[in-house]
């Protein structure tokens, strides 16, 4: 998993929270388009908007995979619990998640964002 690139704790303490971003003299958070601190302490060569897009795609892909596996188990009669909502509703959710993944993948291709394999 790509994990979000976040500023160090001492940097966070100097920032004021405003909406989804912090407003310091030099912002290093992934919530804005300023350079972000990489895990090794250097600046990330990937723009923060691309990191957010990759994170969004990855999280959605993992959730879609888990939901799909659950539906397969439900169809096979091996699911170890009974969901409260209908199978049709969950299948609709799975289809919409797959469609959203496809949109993100097309957008990534157009914008030159490399998604993990």
C-alpha atoms as a PDB file:
ATOM      1  CA  UNK A   1       0.000   0.000   0.000  1.00  0.00           C
ATOM      2  CA  UNK A   2       1.195   3.468  -0.813  1.00  0.00           C
ATOM      3  CA  UNK A   3       0.245   5.161   2.463  1.00  0.00           C
ATOM      4  CA  UNK A   4      -0.253   8.869   2.648  1.00  0.00           C
ATOM      5  CA  UNK A   5       2.807  11.071   2.887  1.00  0.00           C
ATOM      6  CA  UNK A   6       2.340  13.234   5.949  1.00  0.00           C
ATOM      7  CA  UNK A   7       4.438  15.987   7.532  1.00  0.00           C
ATOM      8  CA  UNK A   8       6.523  15.277  10.593  1.00  0.00           C
ATOM      9  CA  UNK A   9       4.890  15.861  13.987  1.00  0.00           C
ATOM     10  CA  UNK A  10       6.924  18.989  14.764  1.00  0.00           C
ATOM     11  CA  UNK A  11       5.761  20.567  11.483  1.00  0.00           C
ATOM     12  CA  UNK A  12       2.112  19.809  12.251  1.00  0.00           C
ATOM     13  CA  UNK A  13       2.297  21.652  15.565  1.00  0.00           C
ATOM     14  CA  UNK A  14       3.238  24.906  13.789  1.00  0.00           C
ATOM     15  CA  UNK A  15       0.244  24.815  11.428  1.00  0.00           C
ATOM     16  CA  UNK A  16      -3.316  25.991  11.889  1.00  0.00           C
ATOM     17  CA  UNK A  17      -6.044  23.675  10.639  1.00  0.00           C
ATOM     18  CA  UNK A  18      -8.186  25.321   7.936  1.00  0.00           C
ATOM     19  CA  UNK A  19     -10.609  23.019   6.140  1.00  0.00           C
ATOM     20  CA  UNK A  20      -8.776  19.969   4.773  1.00  0.00           C
ATOM     21  CA  UNK A  21      -5.371  21.640   4.695  1.00  0.00           C
ATOM     22  CA  UNK A  22      -3.004  23.292   7.118  1.00  0.00           C
ATOM     23  CA  UNK A  23      -1.783  26.810   6.531  1.00  0.00           C
ATOM     24  CA  UNK A  24       1.844  27.248   7.613  1.00  0.00           C
ATOM     25  CA  UNK A  25       4.517  29.474   6.212  1.00  0.00           C
ATOM     26  CA  UNK A  26       5.596  26.526   4.037  1.00  0.00           C
ATOM     27  CA  UNK A  27       3.018  23.758   3.881  1.00  0.00           C
ATOM     28  CA  UNK A  28       4.321  20.206   3.394  1.00  0.00           C
ATOM     29  CA  UNK A  29       1.055  18.295   3.681  1.00  0.00           C
ATOM     30  CA  UNK A  30      -0.611  16.048   1.112  1.00  0.00           C
ATOM     31  CA  UNK A  31      -3.855  18.047   1.391  1.00  0.00           C
ATOM     32  CA  UNK A  32      -2.566  20.869  -0.823  1.00  0.00           C
ATOM     33  CA  UNK A  33      -0.345  21.239  -3.891  1.00  0.00           C
ATOM     34  CA  UNK A  34       2.821  22.263  -2.066  1.00  0.00           C
ATOM     35  CA  UNK A  35       5.809  19.888  -2.094  1.00  0.00           C
ATOM     36  CA  UNK A  36       5.345  16.995   0.318  1.00  0.00           C
ATOM     37  CA  UNK A  37       7.838  15.348   2.644  1.00  0.00           C
ATOM     38  CA  UNK A  38       8.706  11.811   1.637  1.00  0.00           C
ATOM     39  CA  UNK A  39       9.326   9.099   4.231  1.00  0.00           C
ATOM     40  CA  UNK A  40      13.097   9.557   3.870  1.00  0.00           C
ATOM     41  CA  UNK A  41      12.796  13.272   4.714  1.00  0.00           C
ATOM     42  CA  UNK A  42      13.339  14.552   1.166  1.00  0.00           C
ATOM     43  CA  UNK A  43      10.730  16.098  -1.073  1.00  0.00           C
ATOM     44  CA  UNK A  44       8.563  13.656  -2.993  1.00  0.00           C
ATOM     45  CA  UNK A  45       9.041  13.789  -6.780  1.00  0.00           C
ATOM     46  CA  UNK A  46       5.329  12.997  -7.185  1.00  0.00           C
ATOM     47  CA  UNK A  47       2.943  15.991  -6.947  1.00  0.00           C
ATOM     48  CA  UNK A  48       0.560  15.757  -3.991  1.00  0.00           C
ATOM     49  CA  UNK A  49      -2.544  15.627  -6.211  1.00  0.00           C
ATOM     50  CA  UNK A  50      -1.137  12.495  -7.855  1.00  0.00           C
ATOM     51  CA  UNK A  51      -0.431  10.944  -4.450  1.00  0.00           C
ATOM     52  CA  UNK A  52      -4.022  11.643  -3.404  1.00  0.00           C
ATOM     53  CA  UNK A  53      -5.322  10.129  -6.647  1.00  0.00           C
ATOM     54  CA  UNK A  54      -3.183   6.994  -6.232  1.00  0.00           C
ATOM     55  CA  UNK A  55      -4.302   6.666  -2.593  1.00  0.00           C
ATOM     56  CA  UNK A  56      -7.958   7.055  -3.606  1.00  0.00           C
ATOM     57  CA  UNK A  57      -7.607   4.448  -6.364  1.00  0.00           C
ATOM     58  CA  UNK A  58      -5.782   2.008  -4.069  1.00  0.00           C
ATOM     59  CA  UNK A  59      -8.290   2.317  -1.214  1.00  0.00           C
ATOM     60  CA  UNK A  60     -11.227   1.891  -3.597  1.00  0.00           C
ATOM     61  CA  UNK A  61      -9.559  -1.106  -5.251  1.00  0.00           C
ATOM     62  CA  UNK A  62      -9.058  -2.818  -1.869  1.00  0.00           C
ATOM     63  CA  UNK A  63     -12.661  -2.144  -0.816  1.00  0.00           C
ATOM     64  CA  UNK A  64     -14.014  -3.333  -4.158  1.00  0.00           C
ATOM     65  CA  UNK A  65     -11.941  -6.524  -3.931  1.00  0.00           C
ATOM     66  CA  UNK A  66     -13.213  -7.258  -0.415  1.00  0.00           C
ATOM     67  CA  UNK A  67     -16.835  -6.640  -1.403  1.00  0.00           C
ATOM     68  CA  UNK A  68     -16.460  -8.809  -4.507  1.00  0.00           C
ATOM     69  CA  UNK A  69     -14.949 -11.661  -2.454  1.00  0.00           C
ATOM     70  CA  UNK A  70     -17.813 -11.377   0.031  1.00  0.00           C
ATOM     71  CA  UNK A  71     -20.366 -11.630  -2.779  1.00  0.00           C
ATOM     72  CA  UNK A  72     -18.586 -14.672  -4.230  1.00  0.00           C
ATOM     73  CA  UNK A  73     -18.698 -16.357  -0.816  1.00  0.00           C
ATOM     74  CA  UNK A  74     -22.374 -15.426  -0.442  1.00  0.00           C
ATOM     75  CA  UNK A  75     -23.168 -16.981  -3.832  1.00  0.00           C
ATOM     76  CA  UNK A  76     -21.188 -20.110  -2.873  1.00  0.00           C
ATOM     77  CA  UNK A  77     -22.978 -20.388   0.481  1.00  0.00           C
ATOM     78  CA  UNK A  78     -19.732 -20.045   2.462  1.00  0.00           C
ATOM     79  CA  UNK A  79     -20.258 -16.569   3.915  1.00  0.00           C
ATOM     80  CA  UNK A  80     -19.914 -16.754   7.710  1.00  0.00           C
ATOM     81  CA  UNK A  81     -22.536 -14.072   8.427  1.00  0.00           C
ATOM     82  CA  UNK A  82     -25.786 -12.790   6.956  1.00  0.00           C
ATOM     83  CA  UNK A  83     -25.709  -9.188   5.688  1.00  0.00           C
ATOM     84  CA  UNK A  84     -28.682  -7.005   6.623  1.00  0.00           C
ATOM     85  CA  UNK A  85     -29.027  -5.495   3.147  1.00  0.00           C
ATOM     86  CA  UNK A  86     -29.986  -7.384   0.031  1.00  0.00           C
ATOM     87  CA  UNK A  87     -27.523  -9.132  -2.243  1.00  0.00           C
ATOM     88  CA  UNK A  88     -28.847  -7.028  -5.131  1.00  0.00           C
ATOM     89  CA  UNK A  89     -27.961  -3.797  -3.330  1.00  0.00           C
ATOM     90  CA  UNK A  90     -24.430  -5.047  -2.597  1.00  0.00           C
ATOM     91  CA  UNK A  91     -24.025  -6.189  -6.208  1.00  0.00           C
ATOM     92  CA  UNK A  92     -25.118  -2.728  -7.374  1.00  0.00           C
ATOM     93  CA  UNK A  93     -22.549  -1.169  -5.015  1.00  0.00           C
ATOM     94  CA  UNK A  94     -19.852  -3.470  -6.370  1.00  0.00           C
ATOM     95  CA  UNK A  95     -20.714  -2.508  -9.975  1.00  0.00           C
ATOM     96  CA  UNK A  96     -20.592   1.205  -9.160  1.00  0.00           C
ATOM     97  CA  UNK A  97     -17.265   0.789  -7.373  1.00  0.00           C
ATOM     98  CA  UNK A  98     -15.874  -1.050 -10.431  1.00  0.00           C
ATOM     99  CA  UNK A  99     -17.145   1.748 -12.705  1.00  0.00           C
ATOM    100  CA  UNK A 100     -15.484   4.363 -10.477  1.00  0.00           C
ATOM    101  CA  UNK A 101     -12.215   2.376 -10.557  1.00  0.00           C
ATOM    102  CA  UNK A 102     -12.390   2.333 -14.343  1.00  0.00           C
ATOM    103  CA  UNK A 103     -12.906   6.104 -14.430  1.00  0.00           C
ATOM    104  CA  UNK A 104      -9.917   6.653 -12.133  1.00  0.00           C
ATOM    105  CA  UNK A 105      -7.785   4.318 -14.276  1.00  0.00           C
ATOM    106  CA  UNK A 106      -8.739   6.137 -17.493  1.00  0.00           C
ATOM    107  CA  UNK A 107      -8.055   9.496 -15.849  1.00  0.00           C
ATOM    108  CA  UNK A 108      -4.679   8.234 -14.595  1.00  0.00           C
ATOM    109  CA  UNK A 109      -3.760   7.123 -18.113  1.00  0.00           C
ATOM    110  CA  UNK A 110      -4.750  10.502 -19.577  1.00  0.00           C
ATOM    111  CA  UNK A 111      -2.912  12.484 -16.890  1.00  0.00           C
ATOM    112  CA  UNK A 112       0.169  10.268 -16.880  1.00  0.00           C
ATOM    113  CA  UNK A 113      -0.260   8.995 -13.316  1.00  0.00           C
ATOM    114  CA  UNK A 114       1.348   5.592 -12.702  1.00  0.00           C
ATOM    115  CA  UNK A 115      -0.943   3.362 -10.671  1.00  0.00           C
ATOM    116  CA  UNK A 116       0.515   0.351  -8.811  1.00  0.00           C
ATOM    117  CA  UNK A 117       0.062  -3.021 -10.500  1.00  0.00           C
END
